[in-house]
PDB file of N, CA and C in Angstrom:
ATOM      1  N   MET A   1     122.885 192.629  -0.082  1.00  0.00           N
ATOM      2  CA  MET A   1     123.510 191.438  -0.604  1.00  0.00           C
ATOM      3  C   MET A   1     123.799 190.496   0.573  1.00  0.00           C
ATOM      4  N   GLU A   2     123.468 189.247   0.419  1.00  0.00           N
ATOM      5  CA  GLU A   2     123.687 188.246   1.465  1.00  0.00           C
ATOM      6  C   GLU A   2     125.180 187.898   1.552  1.00  0.00           C
ATOM      7  N   GLN A   3     125.711 187.932   2.775  1.00  0.00           N
ATOM      8  CA  GLN A   3     127.114 187.620   3.008  1.00  0.00           C
ATOM      9  C   GLN A   3     127.229 186.690   4.214  1.00  0.00           C
ATOM     10  N   PRO A   4     128.091 185.667   4.151  1.00  0.00           N
ATOM     11  CA  PRO A   4     128.241 184.741   5.280  1.00  0.00           C
ATOM     12  C   PRO A   4     129.003 185.370   6.449  1.00  0.00           C
ATOM     13  N   ILE A   5     128.631 184.937   7.650  1.00  0.00           N
ATOM     14  CA  ILE A   5     129.312 185.357   8.870  1.00  0.00           C
ATOM     15  C   ILE A   5     130.589 184.528   9.007  1.00  0.00           C
ATOM     16  N   THR A   6     131.720 185.206   9.220  1.00  0.00           N
ATOM     17  CA  THR A   6     132.999 184.506   9.354  1.00  0.00           C
ATOM     18  C   THR A   6     133.562 184.577  10.776  1.00  0.00           C
ATOM     19  N   GLY A   7     133.033 185.463  11.592  1.00  0.00           N
ATOM     20  CA  GLY A   7     133.524 185.605  12.958  1.00  0.00           C
ATOM     21  C   GLY A   7     132.754 186.681  13.705  1.00  0.00           C
ATOM     22  N   PHE A   8     133.179 186.924  14.931  1.00  0.00           N
ATOM     23  CA  PHE A   8     132.536 187.923  15.785  1.00  0.00           C
ATOM     24  C   PHE A   8     133.578 188.653  16.615  1.00  0.00           C
ATOM     25  N   HIS A   9     133.256 189.868  17.000  1.00  0.00           N
ATOM     26  CA  HIS A   9     134.030 190.588  18.002  1.00  0.00           C
ATOM     27  C   HIS A   9     133.070 191.487  18.777  1.00  0.00           C
ATOM     28  N   VAL A  10     133.547 192.024  19.893  1.00  0.00           N
ATOM     29  CA  VAL A  10     132.745 192.910  20.738  1.00  0.00           C
ATOM     30  C   VAL A  10     133.202 194.339  20.486  1.00  0.00           C
ATOM     31  N   ASP A  11     132.245 195.260  20.306  1.00  0.00           N
ATOM     32  CA  ASP A  11     132.605 196.658  20.092  1.00  0.00           C
ATOM     33  C   ASP A  11     132.911 197.343  21.416  1.00  0.00           C
ATOM     34  N   GLU A  12     133.242 198.621  21.363  1.00  0.00           N
ATOM     35  CA  GLU A  12     133.634 199.364  22.556  1.00  0.00           C
ATOM     36  C   GLU A  12     132.493 199.545  23.562  1.00  0.00           C
ATOM     37  N   GLU A  13     131.254 199.307  23.139  1.00  0.00           N
ATOM     38  CA  GLU A  13     130.100 199.405  24.033  1.00  0.00           C
ATOM     39  C   GLU A  13     129.645 198.042  24.551  1.00  0.00           C
ATOM     40  N   GLY A  14     130.368 196.983  24.188  1.00  0.00           N
ATOM     41  CA  GLY A  14     130.039 195.647  24.657  1.00  0.00           C
ATOM     42  C   GLY A  14     129.008 194.915  23.833  1.00  0.00           C
ATOM     43  N   HIS A  15     128.737 195.390  22.616  1.00  0.00           N
ATOM     44  CA  HIS A  15     127.774 194.733  21.729  1.00  0.00           C
ATOM     45  C   HIS A  15     128.512 193.798  20.770  1.00  0.00           C
ATOM     46  N   TRP A  16     127.881 192.652  20.459  1.00  0.00           N
ATOM     47  CA  TRP A  16     128.470 191.705  19.510  1.00  0.00           C
ATOM     48  C   TRP A  16     128.321 192.217  18.091  1.00  0.00           C
ATOM     49  N   VAL A  17     129.395 192.055  17.321  1.00  0.00           N
ATOM     50  CA  VAL A  17     129.449 192.501  15.933  1.00  0.00           C
ATOM     51  C   VAL A  17     129.853 191.304  15.073  1.00  0.00           C
ATOM     52  N   ALA A  18     129.058 191.027  14.049  1.00  0.00           N
ATOM     53  CA  ALA A  18     129.391 189.943  13.120  1.00  0.00           C
ATOM     54  C   ALA A  18     130.387 190.460  12.092  1.00  0.00           C
ATOM     55  N   GLU A  19     131.391 189.636  11.814  1.00  0.00           N
ATOM     56  CA  GLU A  19     132.354 189.919  10.759  1.00  0.00           C
ATOM     57  C   GLU A  19     131.912 189.120   9.536  1.00  0.00           C
ATOM     58  N   LEU A  20     131.726 189.798   8.424  1.00  0.00           N
ATOM     59  CA  LEU A  20     131.205 189.162   7.223  1.00  0.00           C
ATOM     60  C   LEU A  20     132.320 188.885   6.218  1.00  0.00           C
ATOM     61  N   ALA A  21     132.096 187.908   5.346  1.00  0.00           N
ATOM     62  CA  ALA A  21     133.095 187.495   4.356  1.00  0.00           C
ATOM     63  C   ALA A  21     133.483 188.636   3.425  1.00  0.00           C
ATOM     64  N   CYS A  22     132.625 189.595   3.243  1.00  0.00           N
ATOM     65  CA  CYS A  22     132.881 190.716   2.338  1.00  0.00           C
ATOM     66  C   CYS A  22     133.832 191.753   2.941  1.00  0.00           C
ATOM     67  N   GLY A  23     134.110 191.625   4.254  1.00  0.00           N
ATOM     68  CA  GLY A  23     134.976 192.602   4.909  1.00  0.00           C
ATOM     69  C   GLY A  23     134.219 193.675   5.668  1.00  0.00           C
ATOM     70  N   HIS A  24     132.903 193.592   5.672  1.00  0.00           N
ATOM     71  CA  HIS A  24     132.086 194.523   6.446  1.00  0.00           C
ATOM     72  C   HIS A  24     131.724 193.902   7.790  1.00  0.00           C
ATOM     73  N   ASN A  25     131.378 194.753   8.739  1.00  0.00           N
ATOM     74  CA  ASN A  25     130.922 194.326  10.060  1.00  0.00           C
ATOM     75  C   ASN A  25     129.467 194.719  10.236  1.00  0.00           C
ATOM     76  N   GLN A  26     128.737 193.959  11.038  1.00  0.00           N
ATOM     77  CA  GLN A  26     127.327 194.267  11.284  1.00  0.00           C
ATOM     78  C   GLN A  26     126.981 193.907  12.729  1.00  0.00           C
ATOM     79  N   HIS A  27     126.402 194.870  13.450  1.00  0.00           N
ATOM     80  CA  HIS A  27     125.979 194.605  14.827  1.00  0.00           C
ATOM     81  C   HIS A  27     124.908 193.517  14.841  1.00  0.00           C
ATOM     82  N   THR A  28     124.996 192.656  15.836  1.00  0.00           N
ATOM     83  CA  THR A  28     124.013 191.580  16.030  1.00  0.00           C
ATOM     84  C   THR A  28     123.537 191.638  17.472  1.00  0.00           C
ATOM     85  N   ARG A  29     122.885 192.738  17.801  1.00  0.00           N
ATOM     86  CA  ARG A  29     122.451 192.963  19.178  1.00  0.00           C
ATOM     87  C   ARG A  29     121.281 192.059  19.563  1.00  0.00           C
ATOM     88  N   HIS A  30     121.282 191.670  20.823  1.00  0.00           N
ATOM     89  CA  HIS A  30     120.142 190.963  21.414  1.00  0.00           C
ATOM     90  C   HIS A  30     119.474 191.969  22.348  1.00  0.00           C
ATOM     91  N   ASP A  31     118.372 192.552  21.891  1.00  0.00           N
ATOM     92  CA  ASP A  31     117.690 193.617  22.625  1.00  0.00           C
ATOM     93  C   ASP A  31     116.183 193.404  22.518  1.00  0.00           C
ATOM     94  N   PRO A  32     115.669 192.334  23.180  1.00  0.00           N
ATOM     95  CA  PRO A  32     114.244 192.034  23.079  1.00  0.00           C
ATOM     96  C   PRO A  32     113.392 193.189  23.601  1.00  0.00           C
ATOM     97  N   PRO A  33     112.229 193.427  23.078  1.00  0.00           N
ATOM     98  CA  PRO A  33     111.573 192.649  22.019  1.00  0.00           C
ATOM     99  C   PRO A  33     111.910 193.121  20.613  1.00  0.00           C
ATOM    100  N   TRP A  34     112.738 194.144  20.472  1.00  0.00           N
ATOM    101  CA  TRP A  34     113.030 194.696  19.143  1.00  0.00           C
ATOM    102  C   TRP A  34     113.950 193.808  18.334  1.00  0.00           C
ATOM    103  N   GLN A  35     115.002 193.321  18.937  1.00  0.00           N
ATOM    104  CA  GLN A  35     115.944 192.441  18.255  1.00  0.00           C
ATOM    105  C   GLN A  35     116.130 191.198  19.121  1.00  0.00           C
ATOM    106  N   ASN A  36     115.693 190.078  18.613  1.00  0.00           N
ATOM    107  CA  ASN A  36     115.730 188.835  19.385  1.00  0.00           C
ATOM    108  C   ASN A  36     116.793 187.908  18.806  1.00  0.00           C
ATOM    109  N   ARG A  37     117.996 188.008  19.358  1.00  0.00           N
ATOM    110  CA  ARG A  37     119.109 187.172  18.910  1.00  0.00           C
ATOM    111  C   ARG A  37     119.794 186.533  20.119  1.00  0.00           C
ATOM    112  N   PRO A  38     119.109 185.618  20.798  1.00  0.00           N
ATOM    113  CA  PRO A  38     119.704 185.011  21.995  1.00  0.00           C
ATOM    114  C   PRO A  38     120.982 184.243  21.705  1.00  0.00           C
ATOM    115  N   TRP A  39     121.178 183.808  20.478  1.00  0.00           N
ATOM    116  CA  TRP A  39     122.382 183.064  20.116  1.00  0.00           C
ATOM    117  C   TRP A  39     123.653 183.909  20.284  1.00  0.00           C
ATOM    118  N   THR A  40     123.529 185.235  20.352  1.00  0.00           N
ATOM    119  CA  THR A  40     124.716 186.082  20.532  1.00  0.00           C
ATOM    120  C   THR A  40     125.274 185.991  21.940  1.00  0.00           C
ATOM    121  N   GLN A  41     124.506 185.445  22.870  1.00  0.00           N
ATOM    122  CA  GLN A  41     124.865 185.482  24.276  1.00  0.00           C
ATOM    123  C   GLN A  41     125.791 184.358  24.730  1.00  0.00           C
ATOM    124  N   SER A  42     126.092 183.408  23.849  1.00  0.00           N
ATOM    125  CA  SER A  42     127.010 182.322  24.224  1.00  0.00           C
ATOM    126  C   SER A  42     127.964 182.017  23.068  1.00  0.00           C
ATOM    127  N   ALA A  43     129.129 181.516  23.434  1.00  0.00           N
ATOM    128  CA  ALA A  43     130.112 181.127  22.417  1.00  0.00           C
ATOM    129  C   ALA A  43     129.544 180.037  21.507  1.00  0.00           C
ATOM    130  N   GLU A  44     128.795 179.098  22.100  1.00  0.00           N
ATOM    131  CA  GLU A  44     128.192 178.017  21.307  1.00  0.00           C
ATOM    132  C   GLU A  44     127.160 178.574  20.320  1.00  0.00           C
ATOM    133  N   GLY A  45     126.377 179.538  20.779  1.00  0.00           N
ATOM    134  CA  GLY A  45     125.369 180.142  19.905  1.00  0.00           C
ATOM    135  C   GLY A  45     125.997 180.866  18.730  1.00  0.00           C
ATOM    136  N   ARG A  46     127.043 181.645  19.010  1.00  0.00           N
ATOM    137  CA  ARG A  46     127.722 182.362  17.926  1.00  0.00           C
ATOM    138  C   ARG A  46     128.391 181.394  16.962  1.00  0.00           C
ATOM    139  N   ALA A  47     129.015 180.346  17.494  1.00  0.00           N
ATOM    140  CA  ALA A  47     129.655 179.349  16.631  1.00  0.00           C
ATOM    141  C   ALA A  47     128.628 178.659  15.740  1.00  0.00           C
ATOM    142  N   GLY A  48     127.424 178.492  16.255  1.00  0.00           N
ATOM    143  CA  GLY A  48     126.372 177.820  15.500  1.00  0.00           C
ATOM    144  C   GLY A  48     125.857 178.594  14.298  1.00  0.00           C
ATOM    145  N   VAL A  49     126.134 179.894  14.234  1.00  0.00           N
ATOM    146  CA  VAL A  49     125.648 180.680  13.091  1.00  0.00           C
ATOM    147  C   VAL A  49     126.772 181.050  12.122  1.00  0.00           C
ATOM    148  N   LEU A  50     128.000 180.616  12.411  1.00  0.00           N
ATOM    149  CA  LEU A  50     129.086 180.865  11.456  1.00  0.00           C
ATOM    150  C   LEU A  50     128.725 180.241  10.115  1.00  0.00           C
ATOM    151  N   GLY A  51     128.922 180.987   9.060  1.00  0.00           N
ATOM    152  CA  GLY A  51     128.577 180.511   7.721  1.00  0.00           C
ATOM    153  C   GLY A  51     127.188 180.903   7.274  1.00  0.00           C
ATOM    154  N   GLN A  52     126.313 181.232   8.225  1.00  0.00           N
ATOM    155  CA  GLN A  52     124.985 181.708   7.840  1.00  0.00           C
ATOM    156  C   GLN A  52     125.103 183.131   7.295  1.00  0.00           C
ATOM    157  N   CYS A  53     124.149 183.529   6.484  1.00  0.00           N
ATOM    158  CA  CYS A  53     124.229 184.821   5.808  1.00  0.00           C
ATOM    159  C   CYS A  53     123.393 185.893   6.488  1.00  0.00           C
ATOM    160  N   LEU A  54     123.920 187.104   6.419  1.00  0.00           N
ATOM    161  CA  LEU A  54     123.193 188.308   6.813  1.00  0.00           C
ATOM    162  C   LEU A  54     123.123 189.220   5.600  1.00  0.00           C
ATOM    163  N   ASN A  55     122.080 190.023   5.526  1.00  0.00           N
ATOM    164  CA  ASN A  55     121.968 190.985   4.445  1.00  0.00           C
ATOM    165  C   ASN A  55     122.906 192.151   4.735  1.00  0.00           C
ATOM    166  N   CYS A  56     123.878 192.385   3.878  1.00  0.00           N
ATOM    167  CA  CYS A  56     124.869 193.441   4.072  1.00  0.00           C
ATOM    168  C   CYS A  56     124.469 194.669   3.258  1.00  0.00           C
ATOM    169  N   LEU A  57     123.925 195.654   3.947  1.00  0.00           N
ATOM    170  CA  LEU A  57     123.535 196.896   3.284  1.00  0.00           C
ATOM    171  C   LEU A  57     124.750 197.677   2.797  1.00  0.00           C
ATOM    172  N   LYS A  58     125.880 197.506   3.479  1.00  0.00           N
ATOM    173  CA  LYS A  58     127.098 198.202   3.056  1.00  0.00           C
ATOM    174  C   LYS A  58     127.548 197.715   1.683  1.00  0.00           C
ATOM    175  N   CYS A  59     127.388 196.419   1.393  1.00  0.00           N
ATOM    176  CA  CYS A  59     127.696 195.900   0.054  1.00  0.00           C
ATOM    177  C   CYS A  59     126.761 196.517  -0.976  1.00  0.00           C
ATOM    178  N   ASP A  60     125.482 196.603  -0.621  1.00  0.00           N
ATOM    179  CA  ASP A  60     124.502 197.191  -1.546  1.00  0.00           C
ATOM    180  C   ASP A  60     124.859 198.636  -1.879  1.00  0.00           C
ATOM    181  N   GLN A  61     125.522 199.324  -0.939  1.00  0.00           N
ATOM    182  CA  GLN A  61     125.899 200.729  -1.127  1.00  0.00           C
ATOM    183  C   GLN A  61     127.327 200.872  -1.649  1.00  0.00           C
ATOM    184  N   ALA A  62     128.004 199.763  -1.936  1.00  0.00           N
ATOM    185  CA  ALA A  62     129.392 199.745  -2.403  1.00  0.00           C
ATOM    186  C   ALA A  62     130.318 200.491  -1.436  1.00  0.00           C
ATOM    187  N   ALA A  63     130.072 200.324  -0.138  1.00  0.00           N
ATOM    188  CA  ALA A  63     130.884 200.967   0.883  1.00  0.00           C
ATOM    189  C   ALA A  63     132.236 200.278   1.001  1.00  0.00           C
ATOM    190  N   PRO A  64     133.283 201.020   1.394  1.00  0.00           N
ATOM    191  CA  PRO A  64     134.593 200.373   1.604  1.00  0.00           C
ATOM    192  C   PRO A  64     134.522 199.392   2.773  1.00  0.00           C
ATOM    193  N   LYS A  65     135.458 198.452   2.782  1.00  0.00           N
ATOM    194  CA  LYS A  65     135.505 197.460   3.851  1.00  0.00           C
ATOM    195  C   LYS A  65     135.757 198.135   5.186  1.00  0.00           C
ATOM    196  N   ASP A  66     135.222 197.532   6.262  1.00  0.00           N
ATOM    197  CA  ASP A  66     135.447 198.028   7.611  1.00  0.00           C
ATOM    198  C   ASP A  66     136.824 197.612   8.078  1.00  0.00           C
ATOM    199  N   ARG A  67     137.359 198.353   9.005  1.00  0.00           N
ATOM    200  CA  ARG A  67     138.626 197.971   9.619  1.00  0.00           C
ATOM    201  C   ARG A  67     138.361 196.881  10.635  1.00  0.00           C
ATOM    202  N   PRO A  68     139.279 195.925  10.770  1.00  0.00           N
ATOM    203  CA  PRO A  68     139.079 194.833  11.742  1.00  0.00           C
ATOM    204  C   PRO A  68     139.052 195.332  13.170  1.00  0.00           C
TER     205      PRO A  68
END
């Protein structure tokens, strides 16, 4: 299910995690060539994708919300 990005935080390993409107979190790693998300590397880039949607597999599985 598509859910808008509402914010970001860094996990304990230093990877960026998108916070979704549904209450789930999703890693948004920039790990070329497998995952190409250069926008995660700057505050401006992350701000530019706020409101855009990511496919939330946790919603599809009716998983409970993640803790902030």
